[in-house]
Amino acid sequence: EGVPAEIRKEVAHIVTSHEGVLQMHGFYLDSEAKDIRFDVVISFDADPNAVIEDIRRDVNALYPDHSLTITPDVDISD
């Protein structure tokens, strides 16, 4: 465990604390390029754009010098 694991843990905590988020996966961190990427599984009844914007705002507040790529996955299971 080190800095990347700590960042992943912090980002996962932020992401999963948002209503409508079922899970986060596919986390990728490039420390040198300051690039964070991950997929978010969003509940079918949530507004994916609103959820992504909220997540982006909160993660940017914690890591303002990193670029973020967030890919929404809408959960269509019953």
PDB file of N, CA and C in Angstrom:
ATOM      1  N   GLU A   1       0.846  -1.190   0.000  1.00  0.00           N
ATOM      2  CA  GLU A   1       0.000   0.000   0.000  1.00  0.00           C
ATOM      3  C   GLU A   1       0.881   1.240   0.000  1.00  0.00           C
ATOM      4  N   GLY A   2       0.485   2.239  -0.705  1.00  0.00           N
ATOM      5  CA  GLY A   2       1.240   3.472  -0.757  1.00  0.00           C
ATOM      6  C   GLY A   2       0.323   4.586  -1.186  1.00  0.00           C
ATOM      7  N   VAL A   3       0.891   5.589  -1.801  1.00  0.00           N
ATOM      8  CA  VAL A   3       0.110   6.748  -2.240  1.00  0.00           C
ATOM      9  C   VAL A   3      -1.015   6.352  -3.198  1.00  0.00           C
ATOM     10  N   PRO A   4      -0.743   5.556  -4.256  1.00  0.00           N
ATOM     11  CA  PRO A   4      -1.839   5.189  -5.164  1.00  0.00           C
ATOM     12  C   PRO A   4      -2.989   4.474  -4.459  1.00  0.00           C
ATOM     13  N   ALA A   5      -2.662   3.561  -3.545  1.00  0.00           N
ATOM     14  CA  ALA A   5      -3.716   2.842  -2.820  1.00  0.00           C
ATOM     15  C   ALA A   5      -4.509   3.801  -1.938  1.00  0.00           C
ATOM     16  N   GLU A   6      -3.830   4.753  -1.346  1.00  0.00           N
ATOM     17  CA  GLU A   6      -4.489   5.740  -0.495  1.00  0.00           C
ATOM     18  C   GLU A   6      -5.421   6.630  -1.329  1.00  0.00           C
ATOM     19  N   ILE A   7      -4.948   7.058  -2.492  1.00  0.00           N
ATOM     20  CA  ILE A   7      -5.775   7.886  -3.381  1.00  0.00           C
ATOM     21  C   ILE A   7      -6.994   7.089  -3.835  1.00  0.00           C
ATOM     22  N   ARG A   8      -6.773   5.822  -4.201  1.00  0.00           N
ATOM     23  CA  ARG A   8      -7.888   4.977  -4.635  1.00  0.00           C
ATOM     24  C   ARG A   8      -8.928   4.861  -3.527  1.00  0.00           C
ATOM     25  N   LYS A   9      -8.457   4.661  -2.311  1.00  0.00           N
ATOM     26  CA  LYS A   9      -9.369   4.514  -1.168  1.00  0.00           C
ATOM     27  C   LYS A   9     -10.166   5.801  -0.946  1.00  0.00           C
ATOM     28  N   GLU A  10      -9.484   6.943  -1.014  1.00  0.00           N
ATOM     29  CA  GLU A  10     -10.167   8.229  -0.815  1.00  0.00           C
ATOM     30  C   GLU A  10     -11.182   8.497  -1.926  1.00  0.00           C
ATOM     31  N   VAL A  11     -10.785   8.238  -3.176  1.00  0.00           N
ATOM     32  CA  VAL A  11     -11.697   8.459  -4.302  1.00  0.00           C
ATOM     33  C   VAL A  11     -12.899   7.518  -4.192  1.00  0.00           C
ATOM     34  N   ALA A  12     -12.655   6.242  -3.862  1.00  0.00           N
ATOM     35  CA  ALA A  12     -13.750   5.280  -3.720  1.00  0.00           C
ATOM     36  C   ALA A  12     -14.725   5.722  -2.632  1.00  0.00           C
ATOM     37  N   HIS A  13     -14.193   6.260  -1.550  1.00  0.00           N
ATOM     38  CA  HIS A  13     -15.058   6.737  -0.461  1.00  0.00           C
ATOM     39  C   HIS A  13     -15.941   7.892  -0.940  1.00  0.00           C
ATOM     40  N   ILE A  14     -15.344   8.838  -1.658  1.00  0.00           N
ATOM     41  CA  ILE A  14     -16.104   9.977  -2.201  1.00  0.00           C
ATOM     42  C   ILE A  14     -17.179   9.475  -3.160  1.00  0.00           C
ATOM     43  N   VAL A  15     -16.777   8.613  -4.085  1.00  0.00           N
ATOM     44  CA  VAL A  15     -17.688   8.139  -5.131  1.00  0.00           C
ATOM     45  C   VAL A  15     -18.869   7.384  -4.531  1.00  0.00           C
ATOM     46  N   THR A  16     -18.585   6.426  -3.644  1.00  0.00           N
ATOM     47  CA  THR A  16     -19.651   5.579  -3.111  1.00  0.00           C
ATOM     48  C   THR A  16     -20.525   6.295  -2.084  1.00  0.00           C
ATOM     49  N   SER A  17     -20.107   7.478  -1.640  1.00  0.00           N
ATOM     50  CA  SER A  17     -20.944   8.238  -0.705  1.00  0.00           C
ATOM     51  C   SER A  17     -22.069   8.978  -1.432  1.00  0.00           C
ATOM     52  N   HIS A  18     -22.011   9.038  -2.768  1.00  0.00           N
ATOM     53  CA  HIS A  18     -23.047   9.734  -3.535  1.00  0.00           C
ATOM     54  C   HIS A  18     -24.264   8.836  -3.737  1.00  0.00           C
ATOM     55  N   GLU A  19     -25.427   9.423  -3.541  1.00  0.00           N
ATOM     56  CA  GLU A  19     -26.672   8.695  -3.750  1.00  0.00           C
ATOM     57  C   GLU A  19     -26.786   8.306  -5.219  1.00  0.00           C
ATOM     58  N   GLY A  20     -27.213   7.081  -5.466  1.00  0.00           N
ATOM     59  CA  GLY A  20     -27.371   6.610  -6.833  1.00  0.00           C
ATOM     60  C   GLY A  20     -26.167   5.837  -7.338  1.00  0.00           C
ATOM     61  N   VAL A  21     -25.054   5.881  -6.584  1.00  0.00           N
ATOM     62  CA  VAL A  21     -23.863   5.137  -6.992  1.00  0.00           C
ATOM     63  C   VAL A  21     -23.905   3.749  -6.380  1.00  0.00           C
ATOM     64  N   LEU A  22     -23.795   2.737  -7.217  1.00  0.00           N
ATOM     65  CA  LEU A  22     -23.811   1.357  -6.741  1.00  0.00           C
ATOM     66  C   LEU A  22     -22.396   0.846  -6.495  1.00  0.00           C
ATOM     67  N   GLN A  23     -21.463   1.234  -7.370  1.00  0.00           N
ATOM     68  CA  GLN A  23     -20.069   0.838  -7.168  1.00  0.00           C
ATOM     69  C   GLN A  23     -19.138   1.615  -8.080  1.00  0.00           C
ATOM     70  N   MET A  24     -17.851   1.532  -7.750  1.00  0.00           N
ATOM     71  CA  MET A  24     -16.799   2.108  -8.579  1.00  0.00           C
ATOM     72  C   MET A  24     -15.873   0.963  -8.974  1.00  0.00           C
ATOM     73  N   HIS A  25     -15.406   0.961 -10.221  1.00  0.00           N
ATOM     74  CA  HIS A  25     -14.451  -0.063 -10.637  1.00  0.00           C
ATOM     75  C   HIS A  25     -13.562   0.493 -11.739  1.00  0.00           C
ATOM     76  N   GLY A  26     -12.589  -0.281 -12.144  1.00  0.00           N
ATOM     77  CA  GLY A  26     -11.707   0.138 -13.226  1.00  0.00           C
ATOM     78  C   GLY A  26     -10.849   1.334 -12.864  1.00  0.00           C
ATOM     79  N   PHE A  27     -10.475   1.456 -11.577  1.00  0.00           N
ATOM     80  CA  PHE A  27      -9.684   2.613 -11.140  1.00  0.00           C
ATOM     81  C   PHE A  27      -8.285   2.570 -11.733  1.00  0.00           C
ATOM     82  N   TYR A  28      -7.856   3.696 -12.282  1.00  0.00           N
ATOM     83  CA  TYR A  28      -6.527   3.820 -12.855  1.00  0.00           C
ATOM     84  C   TYR A  28      -5.945   5.157 -12.426  1.00  0.00           C
ATOM     85  N   LEU A  29      -4.711   5.133 -11.949  1.00  0.00           N
ATOM     86  CA  LEU A  29      -4.031   6.355 -11.539  1.00  0.00           C
ATOM     87  C   LEU A  29      -2.666   6.407 -12.198  1.00  0.00           C
ATOM     88  N   ASP A  30      -2.393   7.496 -12.897  1.00  0.00           N
ATOM     89  CA  ASP A  30      -1.055   7.763 -13.412  1.00  0.00           C
ATOM     90  C   ASP A  30      -0.516   8.922 -12.586  1.00  0.00           C
ATOM     91  N   SER A  31       0.337   8.598 -11.608  1.00  0.00           N
ATOM     92  CA  SER A  31       0.841   9.615 -10.677  1.00  0.00           C
ATOM     93  C   SER A  31       1.674  10.684 -11.380  1.00  0.00           C
ATOM     94  N   GLU A  32       2.483  10.263 -12.340  1.00  0.00           N
ATOM     95  CA  GLU A  32       3.334  11.235 -13.040  1.00  0.00           C
ATOM     96  C   GLU A  32       2.522  12.195 -13.884  1.00  0.00           C
ATOM     97  N   ALA A  33       1.546  11.662 -14.617  1.00  0.00           N
ATOM     98  CA  ALA A  33       0.716  12.509 -15.477  1.00  0.00           C
ATOM     99  C   ALA A  33      -0.422  13.168 -14.693  1.00  0.00           C
ATOM    100  N   LYS A  34      -0.579  12.770 -13.429  1.00  0.00           N
ATOM    101  CA  LYS A  34      -1.663  13.276 -12.575  1.00  0.00           C
ATOM    102  C   LYS A  34      -3.018  13.056 -13.248  1.00  0.00           C
ATOM    103  N   ASP A  35      -3.251  11.794 -13.592  1.00  0.00           N
ATOM    104  CA  ASP A  35      -4.457  11.403 -14.311  1.00  0.00           C
ATOM    105  C   ASP A  35      -5.180  10.325 -13.508  1.00  0.00           C
ATOM    106  N   ILE A  36      -6.454  10.553 -13.229  1.00  0.00           N
ATOM    107  CA  ILE A  36      -7.282   9.588 -12.506  1.00  0.00           C
ATOM    108  C   ILE A  36      -8.436   9.196 -13.419  1.00  0.00           C
ATOM    109  N   ARG A  37      -8.651   7.876 -13.555  1.00  0.00           N
ATOM    110  CA  ARG A  37      -9.762   7.375 -14.373  1.00  0.00           C
ATOM    111  C   ARG A  37     -10.464   6.261 -13.624  1.00  0.00           C
ATOM    112  N   PHE A  38     -11.785   6.228 -13.749  1.00  0.00           N
ATOM    113  CA  PHE A  38     -12.544   5.135 -13.158  1.00  0.00           C
ATOM    114  C   PHE A  38     -13.944   5.083 -13.739  1.00  0.00           C
ATOM    115  N   ASP A  39     -14.587   3.929 -13.567  1.00  0.00           N
ATOM    116  CA  ASP A  39     -15.974   3.735 -13.982  1.00  0.00           C
ATOM    117  C   ASP A  39     -16.851   3.769 -12.743  1.00  0.00           C
ATOM    118  N   VAL A  40     -18.052   4.292 -12.918  1.00  0.00           N
ATOM    119  CA  VAL A  40     -19.011   4.358 -11.821  1.00  0.00           C
ATOM    120  C   VAL A  40     -20.298   3.677 -12.269  1.00  0.00           C
ATOM    121  N   VAL A  41     -20.748   2.701 -11.486  1.00  0.00           N
ATOM    122  CA  VAL A  41     -22.034   2.051 -11.768  1.00  0.00           C
ATOM    123  C   VAL A  41     -23.103   2.867 -11.056  1.00  0.00           C
ATOM    124  N   ILE A  42     -24.038   3.394 -11.853  1.00  0.00           N
ATOM    125  CA  ILE A  42     -25.071   4.298 -11.347  1.00  0.00           C
ATOM    126  C   ILE A  42     -26.427   3.613 -11.443  1.00  0.00           C
ATOM    127  N   SER A  43     -27.203   3.765 -10.403  1.00  0.00           N
ATOM    128  CA  SER A  43     -28.549   3.202 -10.368  1.00  0.00           C
ATOM    129  C   SER A  43     -29.367   3.723 -11.543  1.00  0.00           C
ATOM    130  N   PHE A  44     -30.198   2.858 -12.094  1.00  0.00           N
ATOM    131  CA  PHE A  44     -31.021   3.199 -13.249  1.00  0.00           C
ATOM    132  C   PHE A  44     -31.912   4.405 -12.985  1.00  0.00           C
ATOM    133  N   ASP A  45     -32.377   4.568 -11.727  1.00  0.00           N
ATOM    134  CA  ASP A  45     -33.308   5.664 -11.427  1.00  0.00           C
ATOM    135  C   ASP A  45     -32.604   6.962 -11.020  1.00  0.00           C
ATOM    136  N   ALA A  46     -31.283   7.005 -11.106  1.00  0.00           N
ATOM    137  CA  ALA A  46     -30.550   8.242 -10.799  1.00  0.00           C
ATOM    138  C   ALA A  46     -30.211   8.953 -12.110  1.00  0.00           C
ATOM    139  N   ASP A  47     -29.978  10.264 -12.030  1.00  0.00           N
ATOM    140  CA  ASP A  47     -29.573  11.049 -13.195  1.00  0.00           C
ATOM    141  C   ASP A  47     -28.050  10.925 -13.334  1.00  0.00           C
ATOM    142  N   PRO A  48     -27.578  10.157 -14.329  1.00  0.00           N
ATOM    143  CA  PRO A  48     -26.133   9.915 -14.421  1.00  0.00           C
ATOM    144  C   PRO A  48     -25.308  11.193 -14.580  1.00  0.00           C
ATOM    145  N   ASN A  49     -25.828  12.163 -15.327  1.00  0.00           N
ATOM    146  CA  ASN A  49     -25.078  13.405 -15.524  1.00  0.00           C
ATOM    147  C   ASN A  49     -24.905  14.165 -14.214  1.00  0.00           C
ATOM    148  N   ALA A  50     -25.964  14.234 -13.423  1.00  0.00           N
ATOM    149  CA  ALA A  50     -25.893  14.928 -12.143  1.00  0.00           C
ATOM    150  C   ALA A  50     -24.944  14.206 -11.186  1.00  0.00           C
ATOM    151  N   VAL A  51     -25.039  12.878 -11.155  1.00  0.00           N
ATOM    152  CA  VAL A  51     -24.171  12.093 -10.281  1.00  0.00           C
ATOM    153  C   VAL A  51     -22.706  12.295 -10.669  1.00  0.00           C
ATOM    154  N   ILE A  52     -22.406  12.213 -11.964  1.00  0.00           N
ATOM    155  CA  ILE A  52     -21.023  12.384 -12.434  1.00  0.00           C
ATOM    156  C   ILE A  52     -20.504  13.776 -12.101  1.00  0.00           C
ATOM    157  N   GLU A  53     -21.323  14.804 -12.298  1.00  0.00           N
ATOM    158  CA  GLU A  53     -20.885  16.170 -11.992  1.00  0.00           C
ATOM    159  C   GLU A  53     -20.601  16.347 -10.500  1.00  0.00           C
ATOM    160  N   ASP A  54     -21.458  15.762  -9.649  1.00  0.00           N
ATOM    161  CA  ASP A  54     -21.227  15.834  -8.199  1.00  0.00           C
ATOM    162  C   ASP A  54     -19.923  15.140  -7.819  1.00  0.00           C
ATOM    163  N   ILE A  55     -19.697  13.963  -8.396  1.00  0.00           N
ATOM    164  CA  ILE A  55     -18.466  13.218  -8.117  1.00  0.00           C
ATOM    165  C   ILE A  55     -17.257  14.024  -8.594  1.00  0.00           C
ATOM    166  N   ARG A  56     -17.351  14.561  -9.813  1.00  0.00           N
ATOM    167  CA  ARG A  56     -16.246  15.351 -10.373  1.00  0.00           C
ATOM    168  C   ARG A  56     -15.906  16.532  -9.464  1.00  0.00           C
ATOM    169  N   ARG A  57     -16.928  17.229  -8.993  1.00  0.00           N
ATOM    170  CA  ARG A  57     -16.716  18.381  -8.108  1.00  0.00           C
ATOM    171  C   ARG A  57     -15.994  17.957  -6.825  1.00  0.00           C
ATOM    172  N   ASP A  58     -16.449  16.869  -6.217  1.00  0.00           N
ATOM    173  CA  ASP A  58     -15.881  16.443  -4.940  1.00  0.00           C
ATOM    174  C   ASP A  58     -14.470  15.884  -5.081  1.00  0.00           C
ATOM    175  N   VAL A  59     -14.218  15.115  -6.148  1.00  0.00           N
ATOM    176  CA  VAL A  59     -12.869  14.573  -6.353  1.00  0.00           C
ATOM    177  C   VAL A  59     -11.913  15.708  -6.738  1.00  0.00           C
ATOM    178  N   ASN A  60     -12.375  16.661  -7.552  1.00  0.00           N
ATOM    179  CA  ASN A  60     -11.540  17.810  -7.921  1.00  0.00           C
ATOM    180  C   ASN A  60     -11.177  18.651  -6.703  1.00  0.00           C
ATOM    181  N   ALA A  61     -12.080  18.720  -5.727  1.00  0.00           N
ATOM    182  CA  ALA A  61     -11.802  19.482  -4.513  1.00  0.00           C
ATOM    183  C   ALA A  61     -10.628  18.860  -3.745  1.00  0.00           C
ATOM    184  N   LEU A  62     -10.551  17.537  -3.772  1.00  0.00           N
ATOM    185  CA  LEU A  62      -9.494  16.823  -3.049  1.00  0.00           C
ATOM    186  C   LEU A  62      -8.205  16.730  -3.874  1.00  0.00           C
ATOM    187  N   TYR A  63      -8.332  16.569  -5.188  1.00  0.00           N
ATOM    188  CA  TYR A  63      -7.174  16.434  -6.083  1.00  0.00           C
ATOM    189  C   TYR A  63      -7.277  17.422  -7.239  1.00  0.00           C
ATOM    190  N   PRO A  64      -7.146  18.724  -6.931  1.00  0.00           N
ATOM    191  CA  PRO A  64      -7.358  19.748  -7.968  1.00  0.00           C
ATOM    192  C   PRO A  64      -6.317  19.718  -9.084  1.00  0.00           C
ATOM    193  N   ASP A  65      -5.167  19.111  -8.838  1.00  0.00           N
ATOM    194  CA  ASP A  65      -4.111  19.098  -9.852  1.00  0.00           C
ATOM    195  C   ASP A  65      -4.162  17.853 -10.746  1.00  0.00           C
ATOM    196  N   HIS A  66      -5.168  16.995 -10.549  1.00  0.00           N
ATOM    197  CA  HIS A  66      -5.311  15.786 -11.363  1.00  0.00           C
ATOM    198  C   HIS A  66      -6.415  15.963 -12.403  1.00  0.00           C
ATOM    199  N   SER A  67      -6.217  15.387 -13.584  1.00  0.00           N
ATOM    200  CA  SER A  67      -7.298  15.358 -14.558  1.00  0.00           C
ATOM    201  C   SER A  67      -8.146  14.122 -14.263  1.00  0.00           C
ATOM    202  N   LEU A  68      -9.430  14.241 -14.505  1.00  0.00           N
ATOM    203  CA  LEU A  68     -10.375  13.177 -14.172  1.00  0.00           C
ATOM    204  C   LEU A  68     -11.101  12.683 -15.412  1.00  0.00           C
ATOM    205  N   THR A  69     -11.195  11.368 -15.537  1.00  0.00           N
ATOM    206  CA  THR A  69     -12.040  10.763 -16.554  1.00  0.00           C
ATOM    207  C   THR A  69     -12.968   9.794 -15.828  1.00  0.00           C
ATOM    208  N   ILE A  70     -14.247  10.109 -15.837  1.00  0.00           N
ATOM    209  CA  ILE A  70     -15.237   9.296 -15.145  1.00  0.00           C
ATOM    210  C   ILE A  70     -16.186   8.710 -16.185  1.00  0.00           C
ATOM    211  N   THR A  71     -16.251   7.395 -16.246  1.00  0.00           N
ATOM    212  CA  THR A  71     -17.112   6.733 -17.215  1.00  0.00           C
ATOM    213  C   THR A  71     -18.313   6.151 -16.500  1.00  0.00           C
ATOM    214  N   PRO A  72     -19.519   6.624 -16.824  1.00  0.00           N
ATOM    215  CA  PRO A  72     -20.702   6.093 -16.166  1.00  0.00           C
ATOM    216  C   PRO A  72     -21.135   4.739 -16.743  1.00  0.00           C
ATOM    217  N   ASP A  73     -21.525   3.849 -15.875  1.00  0.00           N
ATOM    218  CA  ASP A  73     -22.140   2.577 -16.233  1.00  0.00           C
ATOM    219  C   ASP A  73     -23.509   2.594 -15.586  1.00  0.00           C
ATOM    220  N   VAL A  74     -24.568   2.524 -16.362  1.00  0.00           N
ATOM    221  CA  VAL A  74     -25.902   2.535 -15.768  1.00  0.00           C
ATOM    222  C   VAL A  74     -26.318   1.094 -15.511  1.00  0.00           C
ATOM    223  N   ASP A  75     -26.719   0.833 -14.280  1.00  0.00           N
ATOM    224  CA  ASP A  75     -27.137  -0.503 -13.896  1.00  0.00           C
ATOM    225  C   ASP A  75     -28.550  -0.754 -14.404  1.00  0.00           C
ATOM    226  N   ILE A  76     -28.699  -1.766 -15.272  1.00  0.00           N
ATOM    227  CA  ILE A  76     -30.029  -2.059 -15.819  1.00  0.00           C
ATOM    228  C   ILE A  76     -30.589  -3.361 -15.270  1.00  0.00           C
ATOM    229  N   SER A  77     -29.894  -3.930 -14.270  1.00  0.00           N
ATOM    230  CA  SER A  77     -30.404  -5.170 -13.682  1.00  0.00           C
ATOM    231  C   SER A  77     -31.600  -4.874 -12.801  1.00  0.00           C
ATOM    232  N   ASP A  78     -32.452  -5.870 -12.619  1.00  0.00           N
ATOM    233  CA  ASP A  78     -33.649  -5.668 -11.798  1.00  0.00           C
ATOM    234  C   ASP A  78     -33.347  -5.878 -10.341  1.00  0.00           C
TER     235      ASP A  78
END
